[in-house]
Amino acid sequence: MTAKHPPHHNAFWHLWGWPIVLGLLTAFGLISALFSDGGLGDILAWIALGIPVATGIWFGWCRRAR
């Protein structure tokens, strides 16, 4: 028998799942940029910081134009 999750548990992840992921990705990118000295660390920082920016542009600007 499997235990069912309470309804508020699914509502929490439905609402806060992606913002938490984007926040962790931003923190990883900032830490990577702070401690890297060129090479792979800088590439990871660019990617990790670019994804939240691209997401913000997509949902804040591009989707409004439709």
PDB file of N, CA and C in Angstrom:
ATOM      1  N   MET A   1       0.835  -1.175   0.000  1.00  0.00           N
ATOM      2  CA  MET A   1       0.000   0.000   0.000  1.00  0.00           C
ATOM      3  C   MET A   1       0.886   1.247   0.000  1.00  0.00           C
ATOM      4  N   THR A   2       0.588   2.195  -0.848  1.00  0.00           N
ATOM      5  CA  THR A   2       1.380   3.424  -0.897  1.00  0.00           C
ATOM      6  C   THR A   2       0.629   4.550  -0.200  1.00  0.00           C
ATOM      7  N   ALA A   3       1.401   5.378   0.449  1.00  0.00           N
ATOM      8  CA  ALA A   3       0.807   6.518   1.150  1.00  0.00           C
ATOM      9  C   ALA A   3       0.594   7.652   0.153  1.00  0.00           C
ATOM     10  N   LYS A   4      -0.558   8.263   0.207  1.00  0.00           N
ATOM     11  CA  LYS A   4      -0.838   9.406  -0.667  1.00  0.00           C
ATOM     12  C   LYS A   4      -0.296  10.674  -0.027  1.00  0.00           C
ATOM     13  N   HIS A   5       0.182  11.543  -0.893  1.00  0.00           N
ATOM     14  CA  HIS A   5       0.656  12.838  -0.402  1.00  0.00           C
ATOM     15  C   HIS A   5      -0.546  13.720  -0.117  1.00  0.00           C
ATOM     16  N   PRO A   6      -0.454  14.522   0.933  1.00  0.00           N
ATOM     17  CA  PRO A   6      -1.549  15.452   1.199  1.00  0.00           C
ATOM     18  C   PRO A   6      -1.681  16.463   0.065  1.00  0.00           C
ATOM     19  N   PRO A   7      -2.863  17.000  -0.157  1.00  0.00           N
ATOM     20  CA  PRO A   7      -3.072  17.938  -1.269  1.00  0.00           C
ATOM     21  C   PRO A   7      -2.179  19.168  -1.211  1.00  0.00           C
ATOM     22  N   HIS A   8      -1.855  19.642  -0.008  1.00  0.00           N
ATOM     23  CA  HIS A   8      -1.026  20.843   0.084  1.00  0.00           C
ATOM     24  C   HIS A   8       0.405  20.574  -0.363  1.00  0.00           C
ATOM     25  N   HIS A   9       0.858  19.312  -0.288  1.00  0.00           N
ATOM     26  CA  HIS A   9       2.213  18.981  -0.725  1.00  0.00           C
ATOM     27  C   HIS A   9       2.345  19.171  -2.235  1.00  0.00           C
ATOM     28  N   ASN A  10       1.400  18.666  -2.991  1.00  0.00           N
ATOM     29  CA  ASN A  10       1.443  18.826  -4.443  1.00  0.00           C
ATOM     30  C   ASN A  10       1.256  20.280  -4.843  1.00  0.00           C
ATOM     31  N   ALA A  11       0.426  21.007  -4.125  1.00  0.00           N
ATOM     32  CA  ALA A  11       0.211  22.419  -4.438  1.00  0.00           C
ATOM     33  C   ALA A  11       1.489  23.220  -4.202  1.00  0.00           C
ATOM     34  N   PHE A  12       2.245  22.873  -3.161  1.00  0.00           N
ATOM     35  CA  PHE A  12       3.497  23.570  -2.877  1.00  0.00           C
ATOM     36  C   PHE A  12       4.470  23.420  -4.041  1.00  0.00           C
ATOM     37  N   TRP A  13       4.704  22.182  -4.492  1.00  0.00           N
ATOM     38  CA  TRP A  13       5.661  21.949  -5.567  1.00  0.00           C
ATOM     39  C   TRP A  13       5.148  22.478  -6.899  1.00  0.00           C
ATOM     40  N   HIS A  14       3.844  22.450  -7.078  1.00  0.00           N
ATOM     41  CA  HIS A  14       3.280  22.994  -8.314  1.00  0.00           C
ATOM     42  C   HIS A  14       3.527  24.505  -8.394  1.00  0.00           C
ATOM     43  N   LEU A  15       3.447  25.177  -7.263  1.00  0.00           N
ATOM     44  CA  LEU A  15       3.631  26.628  -7.238  1.00  0.00           C
ATOM     45  C   LEU A  15       5.104  27.028  -7.166  1.00  0.00           C
ATOM     46  N   TRP A  16       5.898  26.361  -6.342  1.00  0.00           N
ATOM     47  CA  TRP A  16       7.250  26.802  -6.047  1.00  0.00           C
ATOM     48  C   TRP A  16       8.354  25.957  -6.671  1.00  0.00           C
ATOM     49  N   GLY A  17       8.014  24.912  -7.406  1.00  0.00           N
ATOM     50  CA  GLY A  17       9.034  24.026  -7.964  1.00  0.00           C
ATOM     51  C   GLY A  17      10.015  24.725  -8.885  1.00  0.00           C
ATOM     52  N   TRP A  18       9.503  25.375  -9.937  1.00  0.00           N
ATOM     53  CA  TRP A  18      10.396  26.045 -10.882  1.00  0.00           C
ATOM     54  C   TRP A  18      11.099  27.267 -10.303  1.00  0.00           C
ATOM     55  N   PRO A  19      10.452  28.091  -9.479  1.00  0.00           N
ATOM     56  CA  PRO A  19      11.224  29.194  -8.876  1.00  0.00           C
ATOM     57  C   PRO A  19      12.379  28.706  -8.003  1.00  0.00           C
ATOM     58  N   ILE A  20      12.190  27.589  -7.297  1.00  0.00           N
ATOM     59  CA  ILE A  20      13.290  27.039  -6.492  1.00  0.00           C
ATOM     60  C   ILE A  20      14.413  26.554  -7.395  1.00  0.00           C
ATOM     61  N   VAL A  21      14.066  25.866  -8.480  1.00  0.00           N
ATOM     62  CA  VAL A  21      15.084  25.388  -9.421  1.00  0.00           C
ATOM     63  C   VAL A  21      15.854  26.561 -10.030  1.00  0.00           C
ATOM     64  N   LEU A  22      15.141  27.601 -10.431  1.00  0.00           N
ATOM     65  CA  LEU A  22      15.819  28.766 -11.011  1.00  0.00           C
ATOM     66  C   LEU A  22      16.689  29.481  -9.975  1.00  0.00           C
ATOM     67  N   GLY A  23      16.235  29.531  -8.730  1.00  0.00           N
ATOM     68  CA  GLY A  23      17.049  30.135  -7.671  1.00  0.00           C
ATOM     69  C   GLY A  23      18.322  29.349  -7.400  1.00  0.00           C
ATOM     70  N   LEU A  24      18.215  28.027  -7.361  1.00  0.00           N
ATOM     71  CA  LEU A  24      19.403  27.189  -7.160  1.00  0.00           C
ATOM     72  C   LEU A  24      20.357  27.305  -8.344  1.00  0.00           C
ATOM     73  N   LEU A  25      19.805  27.363  -9.544  1.00  0.00           N
ATOM     74  CA  LEU A  25      20.636  27.523 -10.731  1.00  0.00           C
ATOM     75  C   LEU A  25      21.363  28.868 -10.709  1.00  0.00           C
ATOM     76  N   THR A  26      20.676  29.917 -10.284  1.00  0.00           N
ATOM     77  CA  THR A  26      21.299  31.234 -10.167  1.00  0.00           C
ATOM     78  C   THR A  26      22.412  31.221  -9.114  1.00  0.00           C
ATOM     79  N   ALA A  27      22.133  30.606  -7.973  1.00  0.00           N
ATOM     80  CA  ALA A  27      23.161  30.526  -6.923  1.00  0.00           C
ATOM     81  C   ALA A  27      24.380  29.744  -7.408  1.00  0.00           C
ATOM     82  N   PHE A  28      24.145  28.640  -8.112  1.00  0.00           N
ATOM     83  CA  PHE A  28      25.254  27.863  -8.656  1.00  0.00           C
ATOM     84  C   PHE A  28      26.060  28.699  -9.651  1.00  0.00           C
ATOM     85  N   GLY A  29      25.376  29.444 -10.512  1.00  0.00           N
ATOM     86  CA  GLY A  29      26.069  30.280 -11.489  1.00  0.00           C
ATOM     87  C   GLY A  29      26.886  31.376 -10.842  1.00  0.00           C
ATOM     88  N   LEU A  30      26.335  32.006  -9.806  1.00  0.00           N
ATOM     89  CA  LEU A  30      27.070  33.071  -9.119  1.00  0.00           C
ATOM     90  C   LEU A  30      28.290  32.527  -8.389  1.00  0.00           C
ATOM     91  N   ILE A  31      28.142  31.389  -7.744  1.00  0.00           N
ATOM     92  CA  ILE A  31      29.280  30.777  -7.038  1.00  0.00           C
ATOM     93  C   ILE A  31      30.332  30.310  -8.037  1.00  0.00           C
ATOM     94  N   SER A  32      29.882  29.740  -9.146  1.00  0.00           N
ATOM     95  CA  SER A  32      30.819  29.311 -10.178  1.00  0.00           C
ATOM     96  C   SER A  32      31.581  30.497 -10.755  1.00  0.00           C
ATOM     97  N   ALA A  33      30.896  31.607 -10.980  1.00  0.00           N
ATOM     98  CA  ALA A  33      31.562  32.800 -11.506  1.00  0.00           C
ATOM     99  C   ALA A  33      32.532  33.389 -10.487  1.00  0.00           C
ATOM    100  N   LEU A  34      32.183  33.283  -9.218  1.00  0.00           N
ATOM    101  CA  LEU A  34      33.040  33.849  -8.181  1.00  0.00           C
ATOM    102  C   LEU A  34      34.335  33.074  -8.014  1.00  0.00           C
ATOM    103  N   PHE A  35      34.261  31.757  -8.074  1.00  0.00           N
ATOM    104  CA  PHE A  35      35.425  30.933  -7.774  1.00  0.00           C
ATOM    105  C   PHE A  35      36.164  30.414  -8.999  1.00  0.00           C
ATOM    106  N   SER A  36      35.633  30.623 -10.198  1.00  0.00           N
ATOM    107  CA  SER A  36      36.328  30.108 -11.372  1.00  0.00           C
ATOM    108  C   SER A  36      37.359  31.112 -11.854  1.00  0.00           C
ATOM    109  N   ASP A  37      38.345  30.583 -12.531  1.00  0.00           N
ATOM    110  CA  ASP A  37      39.384  31.440 -13.078  1.00  0.00           C
ATOM    111  C   ASP A  37      39.556  31.116 -14.564  1.00  0.00           C
ATOM    112  N   GLY A  38      38.457  31.203 -15.274  1.00  0.00           N
ATOM    113  CA  GLY A  38      38.494  30.917 -16.702  1.00  0.00           C
ATOM    114  C   GLY A  38      38.172  29.456 -16.990  1.00  0.00           C
ATOM    115  N   GLY A  39      38.005  29.155 -18.245  1.00  0.00           N
ATOM    116  CA  GLY A  39      37.774  27.788 -18.667  1.00  0.00           C
ATOM    117  C   GLY A  39      36.372  27.297 -18.394  1.00  0.00           C
ATOM    118  N   LEU A  40      36.278  26.067 -17.922  1.00  0.00           N
ATOM    119  CA  LEU A  40      34.991  25.408 -17.724  1.00  0.00           C
ATOM    120  C   LEU A  40      34.133  26.119 -16.678  1.00  0.00           C
ATOM    121  N   GLY A  41      34.715  26.673 -15.642  1.00  0.00           N
ATOM    122  CA  GLY A  41      33.949  27.376 -14.620  1.00  0.00           C
ATOM    123  C   GLY A  41      33.212  28.578 -15.176  1.00  0.00           C
ATOM    124  N   ASP A  42      33.868  29.315 -16.053  1.00  0.00           N
ATOM    125  CA  ASP A  42      33.213  30.471 -16.674  1.00  0.00           C
ATOM    126  C   ASP A  42      32.097  30.041 -17.618  1.00  0.00           C
ATOM    127  N   ILE A  43      32.314  28.962 -18.332  1.00  0.00           N
ATOM    128  CA  ILE A  43      31.274  28.453 -19.231  1.00  0.00           C
ATOM    129  C   ILE A  43      30.060  28.007 -18.427  1.00  0.00           C
ATOM    130  N   LEU A  44      30.289  27.289 -17.327  1.00  0.00           N
ATOM    131  CA  LEU A  44      29.184  26.865 -16.467  1.00  0.00           C
ATOM    132  C   LEU A  44      28.453  28.065 -15.877  1.00  0.00           C
ATOM    133  N   ALA A  45      29.191  29.090 -15.495  1.00  0.00           N
ATOM    134  CA  ALA A  45      28.571  30.295 -14.932  1.00  0.00           C
ATOM    135  C   ALA A  45      27.701  30.986 -15.975  1.00  0.00           C
ATOM    136  N   TRP A  46      28.182  31.110 -17.205  1.00  0.00           N
ATOM    137  CA  TRP A  46      27.399  31.726 -18.270  1.00  0.00           C
ATOM    138  C   TRP A  46      26.114  30.955 -18.526  1.00  0.00           C
ATOM    139  N   ILE A  47      26.216  29.645 -18.588  1.00  0.00           N
ATOM    140  CA  ILE A  47      25.031  28.825 -18.843  1.00  0.00           C
ATOM    141  C   ILE A  47      24.062  28.901 -17.671  1.00  0.00           C
ATOM    142  N   ALA A  48      24.596  28.741 -16.444  1.00  0.00           N
ATOM    143  CA  ALA A  48      23.737  28.726 -15.259  1.00  0.00           C
ATOM    144  C   ALA A  48      23.067  30.076 -15.022  1.00  0.00           C
ATOM    145  N   LEU A  49      23.713  31.156 -15.389  1.00  0.00           N
ATOM    146  CA  LEU A  49      23.095  32.474 -15.226  1.00  0.00           C
ATOM    147  C   LEU A  49      22.263  32.874 -16.440  1.00  0.00           C
ATOM    148  N   GLY A  50      22.554  32.285 -17.570  1.00  0.00           N
ATOM    149  CA  GLY A  50      21.795  32.607 -18.771  1.00  0.00           C
ATOM    150  C   GLY A  50      20.411  31.976 -18.801  1.00  0.00           C
ATOM    151  N   ILE A  51      20.270  30.794 -18.217  1.00  0.00           N
ATOM    152  CA  ILE A  51      18.975  30.116 -18.230  1.00  0.00           C
ATOM    153  C   ILE A  51      17.911  30.902 -17.458  1.00  0.00           C
ATOM    154  N   PRO A  52      18.174  31.373 -16.231  1.00  0.00           N
ATOM    155  CA  PRO A  52      17.147  32.192 -15.563  1.00  0.00           C
ATOM    156  C   PRO A  52      16.850  33.498 -16.294  1.00  0.00           C
ATOM    157  N   VAL A  53      17.862  34.110 -16.898  1.00  0.00           N
ATOM    158  CA  VAL A  53      17.630  35.347 -17.650  1.00  0.00           C
ATOM    159  C   VAL A  53      16.754  35.061 -18.866  1.00  0.00           C
ATOM    160  N   ALA A  54      17.059  33.984 -19.595  1.00  0.00           N
ATOM    161  CA  ALA A  54      16.258  33.621 -20.765  1.00  0.00           C
ATOM    162  C   ALA A  54      14.833  33.271 -20.360  1.00  0.00           C
ATOM    163  N   THR A  55      14.671  32.605 -19.223  1.00  0.00           N
ATOM    164  CA  THR A  55      13.337  32.266 -18.724  1.00  0.00           C
ATOM    165  C   THR A  55      12.567  33.531 -18.371  1.00  0.00           C
ATOM    166  N   GLY A  56      13.222  34.470 -17.726  1.00  0.00           N
ATOM    167  CA  GLY A  56      12.575  35.736 -17.381  1.00  0.00           C
ATOM    168  C   GLY A  56      12.176  36.525 -18.605  1.00  0.00           C
ATOM    169  N   ILE A  57      13.041  36.537 -19.618  1.00  0.00           N
ATOM    170  CA  ILE A  57      12.696  37.239 -20.857  1.00  0.00           C
ATOM    171  C   ILE A  57      11.518  36.554 -21.530  1.00  0.00           C
ATOM    172  N   TRP A  58      11.535  35.227 -21.571  1.00  0.00           N
ATOM    173  CA  TRP A  58      10.463  34.488 -22.234  1.00  0.00           C
ATOM    174  C   TRP A  58       9.110  34.745 -21.566  1.00  0.00           C
ATOM    175  N   PHE A  59       9.061  34.594 -20.245  1.00  0.00           N
ATOM    176  CA  PHE A  59       7.786  34.728 -19.551  1.00  0.00           C
ATOM    177  C   PHE A  59       7.409  36.179 -19.268  1.00  0.00           C
ATOM    178  N   GLY A  60       8.374  37.085 -19.241  1.00  0.00           N
ATOM    179  CA  GLY A  60       8.067  38.466 -18.940  1.00  0.00           C
ATOM    180  C   GLY A  60       7.845  39.339 -20.136  1.00  0.00           C
ATOM    181  N   TRP A  61       8.484  39.016 -21.256  1.00  0.00           N
ATOM    182  CA  TRP A  61       8.436  39.902 -22.387  1.00  0.00           C
ATOM    183  C   TRP A  61       7.808  39.232 -23.604  1.00  0.00           C
ATOM    184  N   CYS A  62       8.319  38.083 -23.972  1.00  0.00           N
ATOM    185  CA  CYS A  62       7.847  37.433 -25.200  1.00  0.00           C
ATOM    186  C   CYS A  62       6.415  36.929 -25.088  1.00  0.00           C
ATOM    187  N   ARG A  63       6.018  36.407 -23.964  1.00  0.00           N
ATOM    188  CA  ARG A  63       4.677  35.874 -23.829  1.00  0.00           C
ATOM    189  C   ARG A  63       3.635  36.979 -23.737  1.00  0.00           C
ATOM    190  N   ARG A  64       4.030  38.177 -23.323  1.00  0.00           N
ATOM    191  CA  ARG A  64       3.120  39.299 -23.258  1.00  0.00           C
ATOM    192  C   ARG A  64       2.756  39.810 -24.643  1.00  0.00           C
ATOM    193  N   ALA A  65       3.675  39.649 -25.570  1.00  0.00           N
ATOM    194  CA  ALA A  65       3.470  40.167 -26.919  1.00  0.00           C
ATOM    195  C   ALA A  65       2.409  39.379 -27.674  1.00  0.00           C
ATOM    196  N   ARG A  66       2.098  38.170 -27.236  1.00  0.00           N
ATOM    197  CA  ARG A  66       1.117  37.345 -27.943  1.00  0.00           C
ATOM    198  C   ARG A  66      -0.260  37.803 -27.725  1.00  0.00           C
TER     199      ARG A  66
END
